mmCIF file of all heavy atoms, coordinates in Angstrom:
data_MODEL
# 
_entry.id   MODEL 
# 
loop_
_atom_site.group_PDB 
_atom_site.id 
_atom_site.type_symbol 
_atom_site.label_atom_id 
_atom_site.label_alt_id 
_atom_site.label_comp_id 
_atom_site.label_asym_id 
_atom_site.label_entity_id 
_atom_site.label_seq_id 
_atom_site.pdbx_PDB_ins_code 
_atom_site.Cartn_x 
_atom_site.Cartn_y 
_atom_site.Cartn_z 
_atom_site.occupancy 
_atom_site.B_iso_or_equiv 
_atom_site.pdbx_formal_charge 
_atom_site.auth_seq_id 
_atom_site.auth_comp_id 
_atom_site.auth_asym_id 
_atom_site.auth_atom_id 
_atom_site.pdbx_PDB_model_num 
ATOM 1   N N   . TYR A 1 1  ? -9.471  -0.295  18.556 1.00 0.00 ? 1  TYR A N   1 
ATOM 2   C CA  . TYR A 1 1  ? -8.725  0.908   18.930 1.00 0.00 ? 1  TYR A CA  1 
ATOM 3   C C   . TYR A 1 1  ? -8.212  0.747   20.357 1.00 0.00 ? 1  TYR A C   1 
ATOM 4   O O   . TYR A 1 1  ? -8.989  0.500   21.288 1.00 0.00 ? 1  TYR A O   1 
ATOM 5   C CB  . TYR A 1 1  ? -9.626  2.136   18.829 1.00 0.00 ? 1  TYR A CB  1 
ATOM 6   C CG  . TYR A 1 1  ? -8.960  3.416   19.294 1.00 0.00 ? 1  TYR A CG  1 
ATOM 7   C CD1 . TYR A 1 1  ? -7.968  4.020   18.521 1.00 0.00 ? 1  TYR A CD1 1 
ATOM 8   C CD2 . TYR A 1 1  ? -9.313  4.003   20.504 1.00 0.00 ? 1  TYR A CD2 1 
ATOM 9   C CE1 . TYR A 1 1  ? -7.342  5.189   18.948 1.00 0.00 ? 1  TYR A CE1 1 
ATOM 10  C CE2 . TYR A 1 1  ? -8.705  5.178   20.936 1.00 0.00 ? 1  TYR A CE2 1 
ATOM 11  C CZ  . TYR A 1 1  ? -7.716  5.760   20.160 1.00 0.00 ? 1  TYR A CZ  1 
ATOM 12  O OH  . TYR A 1 1  ? -7.101  6.913   20.587 1.00 0.00 ? 1  TYR A OH  1 
ATOM 13  N N   . MET A 1 2  ? -6.912  0.840   20.530 1.00 0.00 ? 2  MET A N   1 
ATOM 14  C CA  . MET A 1 2  ? -6.284  0.693   21.847 1.00 0.00 ? 2  MET A CA  1 
ATOM 15  C C   . MET A 1 2  ? -6.731  -0.613  22.523 1.00 0.00 ? 2  MET A C   1 
ATOM 16  O O   . MET A 1 2  ? -7.076  -0.649  23.690 1.00 0.00 ? 2  MET A O   1 
ATOM 17  C CB  . MET A 1 2  ? -6.600  1.897   22.732 1.00 0.00 ? 2  MET A CB  1 
ATOM 18  C CG  . MET A 1 2  ? -6.126  3.232   22.191 1.00 0.00 ? 2  MET A CG  1 
ATOM 19  S SD  . MET A 1 2  ? -4.326  3.377   22.105 1.00 0.00 ? 2  MET A SD  1 
ATOM 20  C CE  . MET A 1 2  ? -3.937  3.638   23.831 1.00 0.00 ? 2  MET A CE  1 
ATOM 21  N N   . GLU A 1 3  ? -6.763  -1.688  21.729 1.00 0.00 ? 3  GLU A N   1 
ATOM 22  C CA  . GLU A 1 3  ? -7.119  -3.034  22.195 1.00 0.00 ? 3  GLU A CA  1 
ATOM 23  C C   . GLU A 1 3  ? -8.555  -3.130  22.721 1.00 0.00 ? 3  GLU A C   1 
ATOM 24  O O   . GLU A 1 3  ? -8.845  -3.994  23.571 1.00 0.00 ? 3  GLU A O   1 
ATOM 25  C CB  . GLU A 1 3  ? -6.133  -3.540  23.249 1.00 0.00 ? 3  GLU A CB  1 
ATOM 26  C CG  . GLU A 1 3  ? -4.889  -4.182  22.651 1.00 0.00 ? 3  GLU A CG  1 
ATOM 27  C CD  . GLU A 1 3  ? -5.198  -5.348  21.720 1.00 0.00 ? 3  GLU A CD  1 
ATOM 28  O OE1 . GLU A 1 3  ? -5.606  -6.425  22.189 1.00 0.00 ? 3  GLU A OE1 1 
ATOM 29  O OE2 . GLU A 1 3  ? -5.032  -5.191  20.493 1.00 0.00 ? 3  GLU A OE2 1 
ATOM 30  N N   . LYS A 1 4  ? -9.443  -2.300  22.204 1.00 0.00 ? 4  LYS A N   1 
ATOM 31  C CA  . LYS A 1 4  ? -10.865 -2.432  22.493 1.00 0.00 ? 4  LYS A CA  1 
ATOM 32  C C   . LYS A 1 4  ? -11.624 -2.464  21.172 1.00 0.00 ? 4  LYS A C   1 
ATOM 33  O O   . LYS A 1 4  ? -11.297 -1.711  20.251 1.00 0.00 ? 4  LYS A O   1 
ATOM 34  C CB  . LYS A 1 4  ? -11.373 -1.274  23.354 1.00 0.00 ? 4  LYS A CB  1 
ATOM 35  C CG  . LYS A 1 4  ? -10.919 -1.336  24.805 1.00 0.00 ? 4  LYS A CG  1 
ATOM 36  C CD  . LYS A 1 4  ? -11.610 -0.261  25.639 1.00 0.00 ? 4  LYS A CD  1 
ATOM 37  C CE  . LYS A 1 4  ? -11.217 -0.369  27.104 1.00 0.00 ? 4  LYS A CE  1 
ATOM 38  N NZ  . LYS A 1 4  ? -11.902 0.657   27.936 1.00 0.00 ? 4  LYS A NZ  1 
ATOM 39  N N   . VAL A 1 5  ? -12.628 -3.347  21.109 1.00 0.00 ? 5  VAL A N   1 
ATOM 40  C CA  . VAL A 1 5  ? -13.443 -3.453  19.898 1.00 0.00 ? 5  VAL A CA  1 
ATOM 41  C C   . VAL A 1 5  ? -14.623 -2.495  20.026 1.00 0.00 ? 5  VAL A C   1 
ATOM 42  O O   . VAL A 1 5  ? -15.467 -2.653  20.909 1.00 0.00 ? 5  VAL A O   1 
ATOM 43  C CB  . VAL A 1 5  ? -13.942 -4.899  19.684 1.00 0.00 ? 5  VAL A CB  1 
ATOM 44  C CG1 . VAL A 1 5  ? -14.746 -4.994  18.391 1.00 0.00 ? 5  VAL A CG1 1 
ATOM 45  C CG2 . VAL A 1 5  ? -12.770 -5.873  19.651 1.00 0.00 ? 5  VAL A CG2 1 
ATOM 46  N N   . ARG A 1 6  ? -14.691 -1.489  19.129 1.00 0.00 ? 6  ARG A N   1 
ATOM 47  C CA  . ARG A 1 6  ? -15.742 -0.477  19.196 1.00 0.00 ? 6  ARG A CA  1 
ATOM 48  C C   . ARG A 1 6  ? -16.692 -0.627  18.013 1.00 0.00 ? 6  ARG A C   1 
ATOM 49  O O   . ARG A 1 6  ? -16.265 -0.873  16.875 1.00 0.00 ? 6  ARG A O   1 
ATOM 50  C CB  . ARG A 1 6  ? -15.131 0.932   19.173 1.00 0.00 ? 6  ARG A CB  1 
ATOM 51  C CG  . ARG A 1 6  ? -14.075 1.137   20.242 1.00 0.00 ? 6  ARG A CG  1 
ATOM 52  C CD  . ARG A 1 6  ? -13.781 2.603   20.520 1.00 0.00 ? 6  ARG A CD  1 
ATOM 53  N NE  . ARG A 1 6  ? -13.535 3.409   19.330 1.00 0.00 ? 6  ARG A NE  1 
ATOM 54  C CZ  . ARG A 1 6  ? -13.183 4.699   19.373 1.00 0.00 ? 6  ARG A CZ  1 
ATOM 55  N NH1 . ARG A 1 6  ? -13.046 5.305   20.545 1.00 0.00 ? 6  ARG A NH1 1 
ATOM 56  N NH2 . ARG A 1 6  ? -12.955 5.376   18.270 1.00 0.00 ? 6  ARG A NH2 1 
ATOM 57  N N   . ASP A 1 7  ? -17.976 -0.488  18.295 1.00 0.00 ? 7  ASP A N   1 
ATOM 58  C CA  . ASP A 1 7  ? -19.007 -0.567  17.259 1.00 0.00 ? 7  ASP A CA  1 
ATOM 59  C C   . ASP A 1 7  ? -19.112 0.791   16.569 1.00 0.00 ? 7  ASP A C   1 
ATOM 60  O O   . ASP A 1 7  ? -19.482 1.796   17.196 1.00 0.00 ? 7  ASP A O   1 
ATOM 61  C CB  . ASP A 1 7  ? -20.348 -0.943  17.906 1.00 0.00 ? 7  ASP A CB  1 
ATOM 62  C CG  . ASP A 1 7  ? -21.406 -1.314  16.886 1.00 0.00 ? 7  ASP A CG  1 
ATOM 63  O OD1 . ASP A 1 7  ? -21.352 -0.791  15.752 1.00 0.00 ? 7  ASP A OD1 1 
ATOM 64  O OD2 . ASP A 1 7  ? -22.291 -2.119  17.221 1.00 0.00 ? 7  ASP A OD2 1 
ATOM 65  N N   . LEU A 1 8  ? -18.813 0.856   15.294 1.00 0.00 ? 8  LEU A N   1 
ATOM 66  C CA  . LEU A 1 8  ? -18.837 2.132   14.582 1.00 0.00 ? 8  LEU A CA  1 
ATOM 67  C C   . LEU A 1 8  ? -20.242 2.547   14.153 1.00 0.00 ? 8  LEU A C   1 
ATOM 68  O O   . LEU A 1 8  ? -20.440 3.666   13.678 1.00 0.00 ? 8  LEU A O   1 
ATOM 69  C CB  . LEU A 1 8  ? -17.907 2.080   13.365 1.00 0.00 ? 8  LEU A CB  1 
ATOM 70  C CG  . LEU A 1 8  ? -16.419 1.982   13.710 1.00 0.00 ? 8  LEU A CG  1 
ATOM 71  C CD1 . LEU A 1 8  ? -15.573 1.829   12.453 1.00 0.00 ? 8  LEU A CD1 1 
ATOM 72  C CD2 . LEU A 1 8  ? -15.949 3.183   14.515 1.00 0.00 ? 8  LEU A CD2 1 
ATOM 73  N N   . PHE A 1 9  ? -21.215 1.652   14.318 1.00 0.00 ? 9  PHE A N   1 
ATOM 74  C CA  . PHE A 1 9  ? -22.619 2.016   14.084 1.00 0.00 ? 9  PHE A CA  1 
ATOM 75  C C   . PHE A 1 9  ? -23.317 2.457   15.368 1.00 0.00 ? 9  PHE A C   1 
ATOM 76  O O   . PHE A 1 9  ? -24.400 3.013   15.334 1.00 0.00 ? 9  PHE A O   1 
ATOM 77  C CB  . PHE A 1 9  ? -23.379 0.836   13.472 1.00 0.00 ? 9  PHE A CB  1 
ATOM 78  C CG  . PHE A 1 9  ? -22.986 0.530   12.047 1.00 0.00 ? 9  PHE A CG  1 
ATOM 79  C CD1 . PHE A 1 9  ? -23.074 -0.769  11.561 1.00 0.00 ? 9  PHE A CD1 1 
ATOM 80  C CD2 . PHE A 1 9  ? -22.540 1.528   11.203 1.00 0.00 ? 9  PHE A CD2 1 
ATOM 81  C CE1 . PHE A 1 9  ? -22.725 -1.059  10.245 1.00 0.00 ? 9  PHE A CE1 1 
ATOM 82  C CE2 . PHE A 1 9  ? -22.183 1.244   9.893  1.00 0.00 ? 9  PHE A CE2 1 
ATOM 83  C CZ  . PHE A 1 9  ? -22.270 -0.056  9.412  1.00 0.00 ? 9  PHE A CZ  1 
ATOM 84  N N   . ASP A 1 10 ? -22.694 2.158   16.510 1.00 0.00 ? 10 ASP A N   1 
ATOM 85  C CA  . ASP A 1 10 ? -23.262 2.544   17.808 1.00 0.00 ? 10 ASP A CA  1 
ATOM 86  C C   . ASP A 1 10 ? -22.096 2.760   18.778 1.00 0.00 ? 10 ASP A C   1 
ATOM 87  O O   . ASP A 1 10 ? -21.584 1.815   19.373 1.00 0.00 ? 10 ASP A O   1 
ATOM 88  C CB  . ASP A 1 10 ? -24.205 1.447   18.324 1.00 0.00 ? 10 ASP A CB  1 
ATOM 89  C CG  . ASP A 1 10 ? -24.891 1.829   19.626 1.00 0.00 ? 10 ASP A CG  1 
ATOM 90  O OD1 . ASP A 1 10 ? -24.542 2.892   20.201 1.00 0.00 ? 10 ASP A OD1 1 
ATOM 91  O OD2 . ASP A 1 10 ? -25.777 1.069   20.075 1.00 0.00 ? 10 ASP A OD2 1 
ATOM 92  N N   . LEU A 1 11 ? -21.684 4.011   18.919 1.00 0.00 ? 11 LEU A N   1 
ATOM 93  C CA  . LEU A 1 11 ? -20.485 4.321   19.703 1.00 0.00 ? 11 LEU A CA  1 
ATOM 94  C C   . LEU A 1 11 ? -20.641 4.025   21.190 1.00 0.00 ? 11 LEU A C   1 
ATOM 95  O O   . LEU A 1 11 ? -19.653 4.031   21.929 1.00 0.00 ? 11 LEU A O   1 
ATOM 96  C CB  . LEU A 1 11 ? -20.110 5.793   19.500 1.00 0.00 ? 11 LEU A CB  1 
ATOM 97  C CG  . LEU A 1 11 ? -19.660 6.167   18.082 1.00 0.00 ? 11 LEU A CG  1 
ATOM 98  C CD1 . LEU A 1 11 ? -19.343 7.653   17.993 1.00 0.00 ? 11 LEU A CD1 1 
ATOM 99  C CD2 . LEU A 1 11 ? -18.465 5.336   17.648 1.00 0.00 ? 11 LEU A CD2 1 
ATOM 100 N N   . SER A 1 12 ? -21.868 3.783   21.656 1.00 0.00 ? 12 SER A N   1 
ATOM 101 C CA  . SER A 1 12 ? -22.051 3.416   23.065 1.00 0.00 ? 12 SER A CA  1 
ATOM 102 C C   . SER A 1 12 ? -21.514 2.013   23.344 1.00 0.00 ? 12 SER A C   1 
ATOM 103 O O   . SER A 1 12 ? -21.226 1.661   24.478 1.00 0.00 ? 12 SER A O   1 
ATOM 104 C CB  . SER A 1 12 ? -23.540 3.485   23.445 1.00 0.00 ? 12 SER A CB  1 
ATOM 105 O OG  . SER A 1 12 ? -24.290 2.511   22.744 1.00 0.00 ? 12 SER A OG  1 
ATOM 106 N N   . LYS A 1 13 ? -21.362 1.209   22.296 1.00 0.00 ? 13 LYS A N   1 
ATOM 107 C CA  . LYS A 1 13 ? -20.795 -0.138  22.430 1.00 0.00 ? 13 LYS A CA  1 
ATOM 108 C C   . LYS A 1 13 ? -19.298 -0.030  22.156 1.00 0.00 ? 13 LYS A C   1 
ATOM 109 O O   . LYS A 1 13 ? -18.836 -0.229  21.028 1.00 0.00 ? 13 LYS A O   1 
ATOM 110 C CB  . LYS A 1 13 ? -21.460 -1.106  21.456 1.00 0.00 ? 13 LYS A CB  1 
ATOM 111 C CG  . LYS A 1 13 ? -22.970 -1.239  21.638 1.00 0.00 ? 13 LYS A CG  1 
ATOM 112 C CD  . LYS A 1 13 ? -23.572 -2.132  20.566 1.00 0.00 ? 13 LYS A CD  1 
ATOM 113 C CE  . LYS A 1 13 ? -25.086 -2.252  20.717 1.00 0.00 ? 13 LYS A CE  1 
ATOM 114 N NZ  . LYS A 1 13 ? -25.686 -3.092  19.641 1.00 0.00 ? 13 LYS A NZ  1 
ATOM 115 N N   . ASP A 1 14 ? -18.558 0.301   23.197 1.00 0.00 ? 14 ASP A N   1 
ATOM 116 C CA  . ASP A 1 14 ? -17.138 0.601   23.004 1.00 0.00 ? 14 ASP A CA  1 
ATOM 117 C C   . ASP A 1 14 ? -16.201 -0.485  23.521 1.00 0.00 ? 14 ASP A C   1 
ATOM 118 O O   . ASP A 1 14 ? -14.981 -0.283  23.561 1.00 0.00 ? 14 ASP A O   1 
ATOM 119 C CB  . ASP A 1 14 ? -16.789 1.937   23.656 1.00 0.00 ? 14 ASP A CB  1 
ATOM 120 C CG  . ASP A 1 14 ? -17.035 1.936   25.162 1.00 0.00 ? 14 ASP A CG  1 
ATOM 121 O OD1 . ASP A 1 14 ? -17.573 0.929   25.671 1.00 0.00 ? 14 ASP A OD1 1 
ATOM 122 O OD2 . ASP A 1 14 ? -16.686 2.929   25.824 1.00 0.00 ? 14 ASP A OD2 1 
ATOM 123 N N   . ASN A 1 15 ? -16.735 -1.633  23.921 1.00 0.00 ? 15 ASN A N   1 
ATOM 124 C CA  . ASN A 1 15 ? -15.883 -2.733  24.380 1.00 0.00 ? 15 ASN A CA  1 
ATOM 125 C C   . ASN A 1 15 ? -16.584 -4.065  24.111 1.00 0.00 ? 15 ASN A C   1 
ATOM 126 O O   . ASN A 1 15 ? -16.922 -4.813  25.024 1.00 0.00 ? 15 ASN A O   1 
ATOM 127 C CB  . ASN A 1 15 ? -15.559 -2.579  25.865 1.00 0.00 ? 15 ASN A CB  1 
ATOM 128 C CG  . ASN A 1 15 ? -14.442 -3.510  26.310 1.00 0.00 ? 15 ASN A CG  1 
ATOM 129 O OD1 . ASN A 1 15 ? -13.720 -4.083  25.488 1.00 0.00 ? 15 ASN A OD1 1 
ATOM 130 N ND2 . ASN A 1 15 ? -14.298 -3.682  27.607 1.00 0.00 ? 15 ASN A ND2 1 
ATOM 131 N N   . ILE A 1 16 ? -16.774 -4.369  22.839 1.00 0.00 ? 16 ILE A N   1 
ATOM 132 C CA  . ILE A 1 16 ? -17.492 -5.575  22.422 1.00 0.00 ? 16 ILE A CA  1 
ATOM 133 C C   . ILE A 1 16 ? -16.627 -6.804  22.669 1.00 0.00 ? 16 ILE A C   1 
ATOM 134 O O   . ILE A 1 16 ? -15.416 -6.800  22.397 1.00 0.00 ? 16 ILE A O   1 
ATOM 135 C CB  . ILE A 1 16 ? -17.874 -5.475  20.931 1.00 0.00 ? 16 ILE A CB  1 
ATOM 136 C CG1 . ILE A 1 16 ? -18.871 -4.336  20.730 1.00 0.00 ? 16 ILE A CG1 1 
ATOM 137 C CG2 . ILE A 1 16 ? -18.451 -6.782  20.413 1.00 0.00 ? 16 ILE A CG2 1 
ATOM 138 C CD1 . ILE A 1 16 ? -19.150 -4.031  19.276 1.00 0.00 ? 16 ILE A CD1 1 
ATOM 139 N N   . LEU A 1 17 ? -17.250 -7.862  23.174 1.00 0.00 ? 17 LEU A N   1 
ATOM 140 C CA  . LEU A 1 17 ? -16.529 -9.105  23.446 1.00 0.00 ? 17 LEU A CA  1 
ATOM 141 C C   . LEU A 1 17 ? -16.484 -9.980  22.194 1.00 0.00 ? 17 LEU A C   1 
ATOM 142 O O   . LEU A 1 17 ? -17.427 -10.029 21.417 1.00 0.00 ? 17 LEU A O   1 
ATOM 143 C CB  . LEU A 1 17 ? -17.198 -9.870  24.585 1.00 0.00 ? 17 LEU A CB  1 
ATOM 144 C CG  . LEU A 1 17 ? -17.233 -9.169  25.948 1.00 0.00 ? 17 LEU A CG  1 
ATOM 145 C CD1 . LEU A 1 17 ? -17.959 -10.041 26.957 1.00 0.00 ? 17 LEU A CD1 1 
ATOM 146 C CD2 . LEU A 1 17 ? -15.820 -8.855  26.438 1.00 0.00 ? 17 LEU A CD2 1 
ATOM 147 N N   . ILE A 1 18 ? -15.369 -10.665 22.031 1.00 0.00 ? 18 ILE A N   1 
ATOM 148 C CA  . ILE A 1 18 ? -15.203 -11.612 20.928 1.00 0.00 ? 18 ILE A CA  1 
ATOM 149 C C   . ILE A 1 18 ? -15.446 -13.011 21.475 1.00 0.00 ? 18 ILE A C   1 
ATOM 150 O O   . ILE A 1 18 ? -14.792 -13.433 22.430 1.00 0.00 ? 18 ILE A O   1 
ATOM 151 C CB  . ILE A 1 18 ? -13.791 -11.519 20.327 1.00 0.00 ? 18 ILE A CB  1 
ATOM 152 C CG1 . ILE A 1 18 ? -13.517 -10.094 19.833 1.00 0.00 ? 18 ILE A CG1 1 
ATOM 153 C CG2 . ILE A 1 18 ? -13.628 -12.499 19.176 1.00 0.00 ? 18 ILE A CG2 1 
ATOM 154 C CD1 . ILE A 1 18 ? -12.069 -9.872  19.415 1.00 0.00 ? 18 ILE A CD1 1 
ATOM 155 N N   . LYS A 1 19 ? -16.399 -13.718 20.880 1.00 0.00 ? 19 LYS A N   1 
ATOM 156 C CA  . LYS A 1 19 ? -16.719 -15.066 21.349 1.00 0.00 ? 19 LYS A CA  1 
ATOM 157 C C   . LYS A 1 19 ? -16.601 -16.068 20.213 1.00 0.00 ? 19 LYS A C   1 
ATOM 158 O O   . LYS A 1 19 ? -16.481 -15.700 19.046 1.00 0.00 ? 19 LYS A O   1 
ATOM 159 C CB  . LYS A 1 19 ? -18.131 -15.101 21.949 1.00 0.00 ? 19 LYS A CB  1 
ATOM 160 C CG  . LYS A 1 19 ? -18.271 -14.270 23.221 1.00 0.00 ? 19 LYS A CG  1 
ATOM 161 C CD  . LYS A 1 19 ? -19.571 -14.552 23.931 1.00 0.00 ? 19 LYS A CD  1 
ATOM 162 C CE  . LYS A 1 19 ? -19.637 -13.821 25.272 1.00 0.00 ? 19 LYS A CE  1 
ATOM 163 N NZ  . LYS A 1 19 ? -20.867 -14.143 26.017 1.00 0.00 ? 19 LYS A NZ  1 
ATOM 164 N N   . GLU A 1 20 ? -16.638 -17.338 20.580 1.00 0.00 ? 20 GLU A N   1 
ATOM 165 C CA  . GLU A 1 20 ? -16.510 -18.403 19.588 1.00 0.00 ? 20 GLU A CA  1 
ATOM 166 C C   . GLU A 1 20 ? -17.702 -19.339 19.672 1.00 0.00 ? 20 GLU A C   1 
ATOM 167 O O   . GLU A 1 20 ? -18.066 -19.818 20.749 1.00 0.00 ? 20 GLU A O   1 
ATOM 168 C CB  . GLU A 1 20 ? -15.216 -19.194 19.797 1.00 0.00 ? 20 GLU A CB  1 
ATOM 169 C CG  . GLU A 1 20 ? -14.957 -20.224 18.717 1.00 0.00 ? 20 GLU A CG  1 
ATOM 170 C CD  . GLU A 1 20 ? -13.585 -20.845 18.824 1.00 0.00 ? 20 GLU A CD  1 
ATOM 171 O OE1 . GLU A 1 20 ? -12.873 -20.558 19.806 1.00 0.00 ? 20 GLU A OE1 1 
ATOM 172 O OE2 . GLU A 1 20 ? -13.211 -21.620 17.921 1.00 0.00 ? 20 GLU A OE2 1 
ATOM 173 N N   . SER A 1 21 ? -18.330 -19.586 18.522 1.00 0.00 ? 21 SER A N   1 
ATOM 174 C CA  . SER A 1 21 ? -19.471 -20.494 18.429 1.00 0.00 ? 21 SER A CA  1 
ATOM 175 C C   . SER A 1 21 ? -19.094 -21.676 17.555 1.00 0.00 ? 21 SER A C   1 
ATOM 176 O O   . SER A 1 21 ? -18.400 -21.521 16.549 1.00 0.00 ? 21 SER A O   1 
ATOM 177 C CB  . SER A 1 21 ? -20.674 -19.756 17.822 1.00 0.00 ? 21 SER A CB  1 
ATOM 178 O OG  . SER A 1 21 ? -21.618 -20.656 17.291 1.00 0.00 ? 21 SER A OG  1 
ATOM 179 N N   . LYS A 1 22 ? -19.556 -22.861 17.939 1.00 0.00 ? 22 LYS A N   1 
ATOM 180 C CA  . LYS A 1 22 ? -19.263 -24.046 17.133 1.00 0.00 ? 22 LYS A CA  1 
ATOM 181 C C   . LYS A 1 22 ? -19.867 -23.940 15.739 1.00 0.00 ? 22 LYS A C   1 
ATOM 182 O O   . LYS A 1 22 ? -19.334 -24.481 14.778 1.00 0.00 ? 22 LYS A O   1 
ATOM 183 C CB  . LYS A 1 22 ? -19.795 -25.303 17.826 1.00 0.00 ? 22 LYS A CB  1 
ATOM 184 C CG  . LYS A 1 22 ? -18.969 -25.731 19.030 1.00 0.00 ? 22 LYS A CG  1 
ATOM 185 C CD  . LYS A 1 22 ? -19.430 -27.060 19.556 1.00 0.00 ? 22 LYS A CD  1 
ATOM 186 C CE  . LYS A 1 22 ? -18.545 -27.525 20.718 1.00 0.00 ? 22 LYS A CE  1 
ATOM 187 N NZ  . LYS A 1 22 ? -18.977 -28.836 21.242 1.00 0.00 ? 22 LYS A NZ  1 
ATOM 188 N N   . VAL A 1 23 ? -21.001 -23.260 15.619 1.00 0.00 ? 23 VAL A N   1 
ATOM 189 C CA  . VAL A 1 23 ? -21.684 -23.126 14.329 1.00 0.00 ? 23 VAL A CA  1 
ATOM 190 C C   . VAL A 1 23 ? -21.165 -21.922 13.555 1.00 0.00 ? 23 VAL A C   1 
ATOM 191 O O   . VAL A 1 23 ? -20.833 -22.012 12.373 1.00 0.00 ? 23 VAL A O   1 
ATOM 192 C CB  . VAL A 1 23 ? -23.209 -23.011 14.526 1.00 0.00 ? 23 VAL A CB  1 
ATOM 193 C CG1 . VAL A 1 23 ? -23.902 -22.790 13.191 1.00 0.00 ? 23 VAL A CG1 1 
ATOM 194 C CG2 . VAL A 1 23 ? -23.745 -24.268 15.199 1.00 0.00 ? 23 VAL A CG2 1 
ATOM 195 N N   . GLN A 1 24 ? -21.075 -20.772 14.213 1.00 0.00 ? 24 GLN A N   1 
ATOM 196 C CA  . GLN A 1 24 ? -20.757 -19.531 13.523 1.00 0.00 ? 24 GLN A CA  1 
ATOM 197 C C   . GLN A 1 24 ? -19.276 -19.176 13.538 1.00 0.00 ? 24 GLN A C   1 
ATOM 198 O O   . GLN A 1 24 ? -18.850 -18.265 12.847 1.00 0.00 ? 24 GLN A O   1 
ATOM 199 C CB  . GLN A 1 24 ? -21.545 -18.376 14.156 1.00 0.00 ? 24 GLN A CB  1 
ATOM 200 C CG  . GLN A 1 24 ? -23.056 -18.527 14.046 1.00 0.00 ? 24 GLN A CG  1 
ATOM 201 C CD  . GLN A 1 24 ? -23.781 -17.452 14.846 1.00 0.00 ? 24 GLN A CD  1 
ATOM 202 O OE1 . GLN A 1 24 ? -23.657 -17.361 16.062 1.00 0.00 ? 24 GLN A OE1 1 
ATOM 203 N NE2 . GLN A 1 24 ? -24.525 -16.626 14.137 1.00 0.00 ? 24 GLN A NE2 1 
ATOM 204 N N   . GLY A 1 25 ? -18.475 -19.891 14.309 1.00 0.00 ? 25 GLY A N   1 
ATOM 205 C CA  . GLY A 1 25 ? -17.070 -19.547 14.419 1.00 0.00 ? 25 GLY A CA  1 
ATOM 206 C C   . GLY A 1 25 ? -16.874 -18.347 15.336 1.00 0.00 ? 25 GLY A C   1 
ATOM 207 O O   . GLY A 1 25 ? -17.561 -18.199 16.345 1.00 0.00 ? 25 GLY A O   1 
ATOM 208 N N   . ILE A 1 26 ? -15.963 -17.449 14.982 1.00 0.00 ? 26 ILE A N   1 
ATOM 209 C CA  . ILE A 1 26 ? -15.700 -16.254 15.770 1.00 0.00 ? 26 ILE A CA  1 
ATOM 210 C C   . ILE A 1 26 ? -16.806 -15.225 15.537 1.00 0.00 ? 26 ILE A C   1 
ATOM 211 O O   . ILE A 1 26 ? -17.111 -14.888 14.384 1.00 0.00 ? 26 ILE A O   1 
ATOM 212 C CB  . ILE A 1 26 ? -14.335 -15.637 15.408 1.00 0.00 ? 26 ILE A CB  1 
ATOM 213 C CG1 . ILE A 1 26 ? -13.214 -16.632 15.712 1.00 0.00 ? 26 ILE A CG1 1 
ATOM 214 C CG2 . ILE A 1 26 ? -14.108 -14.340 16.157 1.00 0.00 ? 26 ILE A CG2 1 
ATOM 215 C CD1 . ILE A 1 26 ? -13.081 -17.013 17.174 1.00 0.00 ? 26 ILE A CD1 1 
# 
């Protein structure tokens, strides 16, 4: 939402970072 990733199970997490792992991918 508005270029921020928000956790819909926990609204206090309103700017989650996207990371990349060699094993798990994105």
